Amino acid sequence: MRQQLQPAIPGNSFRNTLRVLVAQQEQAARDVLADRVQETMGLQADAVNTASAVRKLLEVHTGEFVLAVVDTRLPDAPNGEVLETLISNKVPTIVLSSRIDDAVVERLQDKHIIDCVLKRNDEDINLIADIVQRTLQNHRRKIIFYSNNDFNRKNIRQLLDIHRYTVIDVRNEAETRRQLENNPDTSLVLLDHATIESDELRLINGLRQHYRREDLSIAVVCETLNSDSSARMLRAGATDVILKQHQTNEFYYRIQQCVESIERVREIKYSATRDPLTGIYNRDYLFEVGETMYASAQRGDIKLTLAMIEIDDFDSITTRYGIEVSNEVMRTIAPILKDELRANDILARYKAGTFVCLASNVGNHNAIMVFERVRQKIAKTIVESDAHVLSISGSIGASTYPDETLITMIGNAQSALNLSKSQGGNCVTVEN
């Protein structure tokens, strides 16, 4: 199976076809890893057991290998000679070695060596597969690199590109801030100390005024460093200070830690605001953001409509068909509602079979049109779960007036929803 990269990764010269090369003596471990790469990652894995086979693959598929997992001891290359072939072809490589001797360590300093895994009798395929998967997913992780030194930029970019990070080059502070605004999912700002040496503390402090440590990592790359300077930058808000003289693999680990620490926080925040069944916002987030939107409506800054959308006879569906079928109803409807609503509307799961939508700048007349369209979409939906095929409908009640409190507005929408249900369901009622 071949997977296409969309969009192309800035700064990386890989072609669209993703191939992973696996070269290992032990057939069982080789086949398991190749299967794991192909089945769980959807990539083409080419598994061989000799250095000559590696060279042939590189000739036939020039430029297609984005990663290699290679044993340092192959039958025709017992001393890691195969690494020279991969390095000369600029293939990022994960090294498997039964021992870490001086010769292996020397080779590991090349920027094309991603990691080294010590081989054990019970080869840890999961560990290797995780490293492969992490590396191939790095294109989703953005790093803003601030340097106006062409030599430093080229060297650092080569290191980051080999790990497939998406790197955004900037040359001044204003451009750094602009790119952060345009790319709010950036994980790391990497600062070249040679560029900001006279202004390092002010720049780090300035960034920290807008981006907390849990929202953005800031790392400084230095030629030389004394402990006092390092401590000052860390106190100012730097996440890490990295010496260029560090071994290549240490540089990679430090960058990885900076990026993944932010990623873990984002995952926690995402989970805290999402309904685990449907993936849309949960009730807690609805009230958190709803209070802000409601306050804006009270000031007259925006118009606000709050709509409750309930699947008709949802309790009966659960009783008759079971919880798995009713869960499938909610999983099916949630993305349909998101597609029908605007990107800046807030859609949340309010309770078992009920959604709430907060729509800004939607008045009474527009609310009728918007939610009538939503109702029609629900009524056209067929839900399939196991042997059951269900036609469903939804009742909607909306309030377009920001009453005394957000809770009151929710109550008004509930009253409108009850009126829709009392009329037999599958209709929309909008309260003025």
Foldseek 3Di string as FASTA:
>chain_A
DWAADPPDFPLADADGTEEEEEEAQDPVLQVVLQCCCCPVVVHHYHYYHALVVVLVVCVVDPRHYQEYEYECDGPVRHRNPSLVVCVVSLHQYEYEYCDCDPSNVVSCLDLSDQYYDHQDPPGDSVVVSVLVVQLVPQCVEEEEEEDPDPVVCVVVSSSVVSSPHRYHYDHDLVVVVVVCVVCVRHAEYEYECVRCVVPQLVSLLVVCVPAPLLRYAYEYEYQDDDPVVQVSNVVSPHPYYHYPPPRSNVVSVVVVVSRVSSVVSVVVVQVVQADVLASAGAQVVCVVVVQVVLVCVVVVNWFKKKKKKFWPPLVVCCVPPNDVQSSQLNNVLVVVVVVLDDPPWGWYAHDSGMIMIIDIRQADVNVQVSVLVSQVSLQPDWGDDDPDIDRITMFMFMERDSPPHVVVRVVNSVVQSVVCVVVVHSHYGYDD
